[in-house]
Amino acid sequence: MRTGIGEYRSGKQFGLTEEQIEICAHASELFKEKLYPLQQKMDDEDWWPEEAFREIAGMGYLGTTIPPEYGGQGLDYLTAGLICETMAYWNPTFAFSWLNSDNLVIDNIYRNGTEEQRERFLPAMCRGEMIGALGMTEPGAGSDALGSMKTNAVKEGDSYIVNGSKIYITNGPIADVVLTYVRTSRDMGRSKGISALLVETDQPGFRVGRKLDKMGFRGSPTGELFYDDCHVPTANLVGEENQGHIIMHSGLDLERVMSAMLCIGPARRALDLAIDHANLREQFGRPIASFQMIQSKIAEMYIALETARTFVYRVLDVCSKAQEEEYGRGHIHMLASAALFQAAKAGTFIMDEAVQIHGGSGYMRDTEINRLYRTTKVMEIGAGSQEIRRIIVASGLLKGH
């Protein structure tokens, strides 16, 4: 069974440090042992391994970008991304939920929250005692998430009264805290007047609706959330009131480039599986790897993977060195969209070719390559569709970013 770690060790590819190489090696061994065996049950039963999540957190793999004083590891975004890629190689479904808590919520609280919010939420979340979800998408509000947002909050005394609903929320059915975007003013334009609230799921008025049945990433719970006169303390406001669009855009940049690793990790695994199958599968008296058409597919898969992978590493390195005010606009905004676009495109291509190389067995639902194939499509949809990413890149270029 391949790991892909050897390529990190042979010459410091991509300029990785010795520490990053060792982190990848250790993470790969751990995730292979702890997470890889869970894949089948997660897919078959849409089952979330709660104990494994806490165990992985206890080994230091949550709060990757959070300083140690809050219970995290204090890593940069490139190193955190390498952990995500390695986890997604062995169990992309687990990585999907992990990333939603680690980056979309934990990192967001650290970057935008108050000191009181950091101290109250981050240590428990880094220990895996609490899991986070991001509440942004609504019924009827996909790519136009801000402009079409109907979930609203009205301030009454020391609370916000929240009403509305969210849909397609990863970790929604199991979350302890949901970073929820709500409309707090209708006088500031369609895409402004938005605020970010930390909604603790034990608050009266919060409830989980349907757990949704997905094509891929089964085992990473996704659901509907409802807010019916849900009382949220004003102390749980993240950032300034009516300025949540700034937090959302900066968070989306980091979400996009980190999510690109959810494409790279599984694509690496699919390429390894395709190579192994091509060497073992015989037709016409010889391995199919000896046929030039199969060789051509494998070569093109590798080139697509490494092209996307190198680009994503570069953008993660840029994010690691950026200042907070650079996110959500300008050059990084364009780069993050481009990185996820290319990673998702490469992932889709590689998965399709890998299934083709596997032939009939690749079409069987209980095979690993089939599970990987079913994870891929959503990466062209979530965190802004491929079409939106094209618009962002083109707009950035035309404006001189």
Protein backbone atom coordinates (compact mmCIF):
# COMPACT_ATOMS: atom_id res chain seq x y z
CA MET A 1 0.00 0.00 0.00
CA ARG A 2 1.54 3.27 -1.10
CA THR A 3 1.88 6.34 1.12
CA GLY A 4 3.52 8.94 -1.10
CA ILE A 5 5.75 10.02 1.80
CA GLY A 6 8.92 8.88 0.06
CA GLU A 7 8.65 11.73 -2.41
CA TYR A 8 8.74 14.24 0.45
CA ARG A 9 11.92 12.69 1.79
CA SER A 10 13.75 12.54 -1.51
CA GLY A 11 15.13 16.00 -2.01
CA LYS A 12 12.79 18.38 -0.17
CA GLN A 13 10.32 18.76 -3.00
CA PHE A 14 8.54 22.14 -3.06
CA GLY A 15 11.15 23.48 -0.61
CA LEU A 16 9.57 21.78 2.40
CA THR A 17 11.51 21.94 5.65
CA GLU A 18 12.75 18.91 7.55
CA GLU A 19 10.07 19.60 10.16
CA GLN A 20 7.31 19.59 7.52
CA ILE A 21 8.64 16.37 6.01
CA GLU A 22 8.65 14.67 9.41
CA ILE A 23 5.16 15.96 10.22
CA CYS A 24 3.90 14.43 6.95
CA ALA A 25 5.62 11.12 7.66
CA HIS A 26 4.26 10.88 11.20
CA ALA A 27 0.78 11.96 10.12
CA SER A 28 0.70 9.43 7.29
CA GLU A 29 1.59 6.52 9.57
CA LEU A 30 -0.99 7.62 12.15
CA PHE A 31 -3.82 8.25 9.68
CA LYS A 32 -3.13 4.99 7.86
CA GLU A 33 -3.50 3.12 11.16
CA LYS A 34 -6.37 5.08 12.73
CA LEU A 35 -8.45 6.50 9.87
CA TYR A 36 -8.02 4.34 6.79
CA PRO A 37 -9.82 1.30 8.30
CA LEU A 38 -12.90 3.47 9.01
CA GLN A 39 -13.63 4.36 5.38
CA GLN A 40 -15.88 1.44 4.48
CA LYS A 41 -18.18 1.73 7.49
CA MET A 42 -18.39 5.50 7.15
CA ASP A 43 -19.49 5.15 3.53
CA ASP A 44 -21.84 2.19 4.04
CA GLU A 45 -23.61 3.51 7.14
CA ASP A 46 -23.07 7.27 6.81
CA TRP A 47 -21.44 6.91 10.23
CA TRP A 48 -19.35 9.57 11.99
CA PRO A 49 -16.50 8.18 14.19
CA GLU A 50 -16.76 10.54 17.15
CA GLU A 51 -14.17 8.71 19.23
CA ALA A 52 -11.61 8.82 16.41
CA PHE A 53 -12.12 12.58 16.11
CA ARG A 54 -11.28 13.07 19.79
CA GLU A 55 -8.35 10.67 19.50
CA ILE A 56 -6.87 12.54 16.55
CA ALA A 57 -7.33 15.82 18.44
CA GLY A 58 -5.60 14.33 21.47
CA MET A 59 -2.58 13.60 19.28
CA GLY A 60 -2.27 17.26 18.32
CA TYR A 61 -4.10 17.34 15.00
CA LEU A 62 -6.74 19.96 15.79
CA GLY A 63 -6.14 23.67 16.08
CA THR A 64 -3.24 23.28 13.70
CA THR A 65 -2.87 27.04 13.07
CA ILE A 66 -3.77 28.13 16.61
CA PRO A 67 -1.03 29.27 19.05
CA PRO A 68 -0.18 26.83 21.86
CA GLU A 69 -1.56 29.16 24.56
CA TYR A 70 -5.05 28.35 23.21
CA GLY A 71 -4.35 24.62 22.85
CA GLY A 72 -3.22 24.58 19.23
CA GLN A 73 -0.05 23.74 17.36
CA GLY A 74 0.93 27.15 15.96
CA LEU A 75 1.63 25.87 12.45
CA ASP A 76 1.52 27.93 9.27
CA TYR A 77 -1.10 27.35 6.58
CA LEU A 78 1.22 25.36 4.33
CA THR A 79 2.02 22.87 7.10
CA ALA A 80 -1.66 22.66 8.11
CA GLY A 81 -2.46 22.05 4.46
CA LEU A 82 0.06 19.22 4.27
CA ILE A 83 -1.67 17.57 7.24
CA CYS A 84 -5.02 17.96 5.47
CA GLU A 85 -3.62 16.45 2.25
CA THR A 86 -2.18 13.49 4.14
CA MET A 87 -5.42 12.92 6.04
CA ALA A 88 -7.43 13.17 2.81
CA TYR A 89 -5.14 10.58 1.21
CA TRP A 90 -6.13 7.99 3.84
CA ASN A 91 -9.69 9.08 4.63
CA PRO A 92 -11.09 12.06 2.68
CA THR A 93 -14.45 11.93 4.44
CA PHE A 94 -12.89 12.33 7.88
CA ALA A 95 -10.69 15.11 6.48
CA PHE A 96 -13.77 16.91 5.15
CA SER A 97 -15.35 17.20 8.61
CA TRP A 98 -11.98 17.83 10.26
CA LEU A 99 -11.24 20.76 7.95
CA ASN A 100 -14.63 22.32 8.56
CA SER A 101 -13.94 22.42 12.29
CA ASP A 102 -10.19 23.11 12.17
CA ASN A 103 -10.09 25.83 9.52
CA LEU A 104 -13.58 27.19 8.90
CA VAL A 105 -14.41 27.60 12.60
CA ILE A 106 -11.38 27.26 14.91
CA ASP A 107 -9.05 29.34 12.74
CA ASN A 108 -11.81 31.87 12.12
CA ILE A 109 -12.47 32.34 15.83
CA TYR A 110 -8.77 32.90 16.45
CA ARG A 111 -8.40 35.42 13.63
CA ASN A 112 -11.60 37.38 14.24
CA GLY A 113 -12.87 36.59 17.73
CA THR A 114 -12.46 38.48 20.98
CA GLU A 115 -10.01 37.36 23.61
CA GLU A 116 -12.93 36.10 25.70
CA GLN A 117 -14.22 34.06 22.74
CA ARG A 118 -10.76 32.60 22.13
CA GLU A 119 -10.38 31.52 25.74
CA ARG A 120 -13.93 30.14 25.93
CA PHE A 121 -14.03 28.14 22.71
CA LEU A 122 -10.56 27.35 21.38
CA PRO A 123 -9.05 25.07 24.05
CA ALA A 124 -12.11 22.77 24.08
CA MET A 125 -12.28 22.73 20.29
CA CYS A 126 -8.57 21.97 19.97
CA ARG A 127 -9.05 19.02 22.35
CA GLY A 128 -11.88 17.70 20.17
CA GLU A 129 -14.41 18.17 22.96
CA MET A 130 -16.39 20.53 20.74
CA ILE A 131 -16.82 20.36 16.98
CA GLY A 132 -17.58 23.32 14.76
CA ALA A 133 -19.67 23.97 11.67
CA LEU A 134 -20.04 26.96 9.35
CA GLY A 135 -23.62 28.14 8.83
CA MET A 136 -23.68 30.11 5.60
CA THR A 137 -25.64 28.42 2.77
CA GLU A 138 -29.42 28.77 2.77
CA PRO A 139 -32.25 27.34 0.67
CA GLY A 140 -32.29 29.54 -2.43
CA ALA A 141 -28.94 31.13 -1.59
CA GLY A 142 -25.91 29.37 -3.06
CA SER A 143 -23.37 31.41 -4.99
CA ASP A 144 -25.21 34.58 -3.94
CA ALA A 145 -24.87 33.65 -0.28
CA LEU A 146 -24.71 37.21 1.04
CA GLY A 147 -27.19 38.94 -1.23
CA SER A 148 -29.85 36.24 -0.85
CA MET A 149 -29.40 35.71 2.88
CA LYS A 150 -32.73 35.64 4.74
CA THR A 151 -31.68 34.35 8.17
CA ASN A 152 -31.87 37.43 10.36
CA ALA A 153 -31.02 38.54 13.86
CA VAL A 154 -32.54 41.34 15.92
CA LYS A 155 -30.75 42.66 18.99
CA GLU A 156 -32.82 42.65 22.18
CA GLY A 157 -30.92 43.62 25.31
CA ASP A 158 -27.89 41.38 25.68
CA SER A 159 -29.06 38.86 23.08
CA TYR A 160 -29.64 38.49 19.36
CA ILE A 161 -32.90 36.79 18.39
CA VAL A 162 -32.14 34.68 15.32
CA ASN A 163 -34.72 33.35 12.86
CA GLY A 164 -34.12 31.46 9.66
CA SER A 165 -32.53 28.30 8.33
CA LYS A 166 -29.36 26.95 6.76
CA ILE A 167 -28.88 23.95 4.48
CA TYR A 168 -26.04 21.70 3.26
CA ILE A 169 -24.13 22.40 6.48
CA THR A 170 -21.18 20.07 6.95
CA ASN A 171 -20.97 18.91 10.59
CA GLY A 172 -24.38 20.50 11.20
CA PRO A 173 -25.93 17.41 12.83
CA ILE A 174 -23.00 16.94 15.22
CA ALA A 175 -21.77 20.49 15.84
CA ASP A 176 -21.49 22.06 19.27
CA VAL A 177 -20.98 25.55 17.85
CA VAL A 178 -22.05 26.94 14.49
CA LEU A 179 -20.39 30.08 13.13
CA THR A 180 -23.61 31.48 11.67
CA TYR A 181 -23.95 34.36 9.25
CA VAL A 182 -27.12 36.41 9.73
CA ARG A 183 -28.61 39.60 8.34
CA THR A 184 -28.66 42.33 11.00
CA SER A 185 -29.44 45.32 8.75
CA ARG A 186 -31.41 45.74 5.54
CA ASP A 187 -30.28 49.33 4.98
CA MET A 188 -26.71 48.66 3.83
CA GLY A 189 -27.23 46.94 0.47
CA ARG A 190 -27.80 43.34 -0.58
CA SER A 191 -24.35 42.02 0.33
CA LYS A 192 -23.74 43.99 3.51
CA GLY A 193 -25.49 44.34 6.84
CA ILE A 194 -24.36 40.80 7.67
CA SER A 195 -23.03 39.71 11.07
CA ALA A 196 -21.29 36.56 12.31
CA LEU A 197 -22.54 34.85 15.46
CA LEU A 198 -21.23 31.87 17.40
CA VAL A 199 -24.40 29.87 17.97
CA GLU A 200 -24.01 27.18 20.61
CA THR A 201 -26.25 24.32 19.62
CA ASP A 202 -27.69 23.83 23.11
CA GLN A 203 -29.32 27.26 22.87
CA PRO A 204 -33.14 27.27 22.99
CA GLY A 205 -34.56 27.81 19.53
CA PHE A 206 -31.80 25.98 17.67
CA ARG A 207 -32.56 22.60 16.12
CA VAL A 208 -31.20 20.25 13.50
CA GLY A 209 -33.52 19.23 10.69
CA ARG A 210 -32.89 16.45 8.22
CA LYS A 211 -29.54 14.75 8.00
CA LEU A 212 -28.95 14.82 4.25
CA ASP A 213 -28.08 11.75 2.18
CA LYS A 214 -25.08 12.59 0.00
CA MET A 215 -23.50 10.92 -3.01
CA GLY A 216 -19.99 11.22 -1.57
CA PHE A 217 -18.19 12.16 1.65
CA ARG A 218 -20.65 9.83 3.37
CA GLY A 219 -19.89 9.69 7.07
CA SER A 220 -19.25 13.42 7.21
CA PRO A 221 -22.68 14.51 8.52
CA THR A 222 -24.46 17.21 6.53
CA GLY A 223 -27.82 18.66 7.48
CA GLU A 224 -30.39 21.41 7.73
CA LEU A 225 -30.31 23.85 10.64
CA PHE A 226 -33.25 25.86 11.96
CA TYR A 227 -33.26 28.97 14.13
CA ASP A 228 -36.65 29.70 15.69
CA ASP A 229 -36.36 32.72 18.01
CA CYS A 230 -32.94 31.38 18.92
CA HIS A 231 -31.37 33.53 21.65
CA VAL A 232 -27.64 34.15 21.11
CA PRO A 233 -25.68 36.29 23.61
CA THR A 234 -24.28 39.51 22.16
CA ALA A 235 -20.94 38.32 23.56
CA ASN A 236 -20.98 35.72 20.77
CA LEU A 237 -20.80 38.34 18.01
CA VAL A 238 -17.62 37.74 15.99
CA GLY A 239 -16.07 40.96 14.74
CA GLU A 240 -18.21 44.06 14.35
CA GLU A 241 -21.95 44.11 13.83
CA ASN A 242 -22.92 44.47 10.14
CA GLN A 243 -19.32 43.73 9.07
CA GLY A 244 -19.65 39.97 8.74
CA HIS A 245 -19.12 40.17 4.97
CA ILE A 246 -15.47 40.97 5.66
CA ILE A 247 -15.07 37.91 7.88
CA MET A 248 -16.90 35.76 5.33
CA HIS A 249 -14.73 36.81 2.38
CA SER A 250 -11.46 36.40 4.28
CA GLY A 251 -12.61 33.02 5.59
CA LEU A 252 -13.61 31.89 2.11
CA ASP A 253 -10.11 32.57 0.79
CA LEU A 254 -8.55 30.30 3.40
CA GLU A 255 -11.34 27.75 3.02
CA ARG A 256 -10.77 27.57 -0.73
CA VAL A 257 -7.03 27.03 -0.62
CA MET A 258 -7.22 24.58 2.29
CA SER A 259 -10.10 22.74 0.60
CA ALA A 260 -7.88 22.30 -2.44
CA MET A 261 -6.03 19.73 -0.32
CA LEU A 262 -9.29 17.74 -0.18
CA CYS A 263 -8.80 17.38 -3.93
CA ILE A 264 -5.04 16.75 -3.91
CA GLY A 265 -4.99 14.04 -1.23
CA PRO A 266 -7.67 11.81 -2.80
CA ALA A 267 -6.22 12.40 -6.29
CA ARG A 268 -2.84 11.16 -5.08
CA ARG A 269 -4.53 8.09 -3.64
CA ALA A 270 -6.48 7.46 -6.85
CA LEU A 271 -3.30 7.67 -8.92
CA ASP A 272 -1.57 5.17 -6.63
CA LEU A 273 -4.53 2.79 -6.85
CA ALA A 274 -4.64 3.12 -10.63
CA ILE A 275 -0.93 2.33 -10.95
CA ASP A 276 -1.24 -0.71 -8.67
CA HIS A 277 -4.27 -1.98 -10.58
CA ALA A 278 -2.60 -1.46 -13.96
CA ASN A 279 0.39 -3.50 -12.84
CA LEU A 280 -1.73 -6.35 -11.43
CA ARG A 281 -4.61 -6.56 -13.92
CA GLU A 282 -3.84 -8.77 -16.92
CA GLN A 283 -5.59 -8.85 -20.27
CA PHE A 284 -4.48 -10.57 -23.45
CA GLY A 285 -1.79 -12.33 -21.45
CA ARG A 286 -0.02 -9.29 -20.03
CA PRO A 287 -0.53 -6.48 -17.46
CA ILE A 288 -2.63 -3.63 -18.78
CA ALA A 289 0.19 -1.31 -17.66
CA SER A 290 2.09 -2.52 -20.72
CA PHE A 291 -0.48 -0.95 -23.06
CA GLN A 292 0.45 2.51 -24.31
CA MET A 293 -3.07 3.85 -23.87
CA ILE A 294 -2.99 3.01 -20.16
CA GLN A 295 0.50 4.50 -19.88
CA SER A 296 -0.80 7.69 -21.50
CA LYS A 297 -3.62 7.94 -18.96
CA ILE A 298 -1.27 7.46 -16.02
CA ALA A 299 1.18 10.03 -17.36
CA GLU A 300 -1.57 12.63 -17.85
CA MET A 301 -2.99 11.92 -14.39
CA TYR A 302 0.41 12.47 -12.81
CA ILE A 303 1.01 15.71 -14.72
CA ALA A 304 -2.42 17.07 -13.78
CA LEU A 305 -1.85 16.17 -10.13
CA GLU A 306 1.59 17.69 -9.82
CA THR A 307 0.60 20.85 -11.71
CA ALA A 308 -2.29 21.48 -9.32
CA ARG A 309 -0.36 20.35 -6.26
CA THR A 310 2.58 22.68 -6.88
CA PHE A 311 0.22 25.60 -7.41
CA VAL A 312 -1.73 24.90 -4.21
CA TYR A 313 1.47 24.61 -2.18
CA ARG A 314 2.59 27.97 -3.55
CA VAL A 315 -0.70 29.65 -2.62
CA LEU A 316 -0.65 28.13 0.88
CA ASP A 317 2.86 29.51 1.30
CA VAL A 318 1.60 32.94 0.24
CA CYS A 319 -1.24 32.70 2.77
CA SER A 320 1.22 31.72 5.50
CA LYS A 321 3.08 34.99 4.98
CA ALA A 322 0.10 37.29 4.40
CA GLN A 323 -1.31 39.90 6.72
CA GLU A 324 -4.92 39.62 7.90
CA GLU A 325 -6.05 42.60 5.82
CA GLU A 326 -4.85 40.91 2.61
CA TYR A 327 -7.49 38.16 2.76
CA GLY A 328 -10.86 38.57 1.06
CA ARG A 329 -9.63 40.92 -1.60
CA GLY A 330 -6.98 41.50 -4.22
CA HIS A 331 -4.22 39.08 -5.11
CA ILE A 332 -4.88 36.41 -2.45
CA HIS A 333 -8.60 36.40 -3.26
CA MET A 334 -7.74 35.62 -6.87
CA LEU A 335 -5.03 33.08 -6.04
CA ALA A 336 -7.21 31.13 -3.60
CA SER A 337 -10.00 30.82 -6.17
CA ALA A 338 -7.54 29.78 -8.87
CA ALA A 339 -5.92 27.17 -6.62
CA LEU A 340 -9.20 25.46 -5.76
CA PHE A 341 -10.37 25.70 -9.36
CA GLN A 342 -7.29 23.90 -10.63
CA ALA A 343 -7.25 21.34 -7.82
CA ALA A 344 -10.93 20.48 -8.32
CA LYS A 345 -10.48 20.25 -12.10
CA ALA A 346 -7.46 17.97 -11.70
CA GLY A 347 -9.26 15.87 -9.09
CA THR A 348 -12.25 15.27 -11.34
CA PHE A 349 -10.02 14.33 -14.27
CA ILE A 350 -7.85 11.98 -12.22
CA MET A 351 -10.80 10.23 -10.59
CA ASP A 352 -12.51 9.69 -13.94
CA GLU A 353 -9.38 8.18 -15.47
CA ALA A 354 -8.71 6.05 -12.39
CA VAL A 355 -12.19 4.53 -12.58
CA GLN A 356 -11.70 3.92 -16.30
CA ILE A 357 -8.44 2.07 -15.63
CA HIS A 358 -10.21 -0.07 -13.01
CA GLY A 359 -12.92 -0.96 -15.52
CA GLY A 360 -15.97 -2.78 -14.15
CA SER A 361 -14.58 -3.00 -10.63
CA GLY A 362 -14.34 0.79 -10.49
CA TYR A 363 -18.10 1.01 -10.99
CA MET A 364 -18.79 -1.15 -7.93
CA ARG A 365 -19.89 0.90 -4.95
CA ASP A 366 -17.88 -1.04 -2.37
CA THR A 367 -14.46 -0.39 -3.96
CA GLU A 368 -12.14 2.32 -2.68
CA ILE A 369 -11.76 3.93 -6.09
CA ASN A 370 -15.55 4.22 -6.33
CA ARG A 371 -15.69 5.94 -2.92
CA LEU A 372 -13.00 8.36 -4.03
CA TYR A 373 -14.80 9.07 -7.29
CA ARG A 374 -18.00 9.96 -5.43
CA THR A 375 -16.20 12.47 -3.21
CA THR A 376 -14.87 14.55 -6.06
CA LYS A 377 -17.81 16.33 -7.65
CA VAL A 378 -18.74 18.46 -4.67
CA MET A 379 -15.31 20.12 -4.79
CA GLU A 380 -16.41 21.78 -8.03
CA ILE A 381 -19.50 23.12 -6.25
CA GLY A 382 -18.69 23.97 -2.62
CA ALA A 383 -16.88 27.12 -1.42
CA GLY A 384 -18.04 28.91 -4.56
CA SER A 385 -18.59 26.97 -7.77
CA GLN A 386 -16.05 26.59 -10.56
CA GLU A 387 -18.00 29.25 -12.45
CA ILE A 388 -17.70 31.74 -9.57
CA ARG A 389 -14.00 30.97 -9.27
CA ARG A 390 -13.51 31.81 -12.95
CA ILE A 391 -15.26 35.15 -12.42
CA ILE A 392 -13.05 35.98 -9.42
CA VAL A 393 -9.85 35.13 -11.31
CA ALA A 394 -10.87 37.06 -14.42
CA SER A 395 -11.96 40.07 -12.33
CA GLY A 396 -8.66 40.05 -10.46
CA LEU A 397 -6.62 39.94 -13.64
CA LEU A 398 -8.63 42.69 -15.33
CA LYS A 399 -8.23 44.91 -12.28
CA GLY A 400 -4.48 44.35 -12.28
CA HIS A 401 -4.20 42.03 -9.24
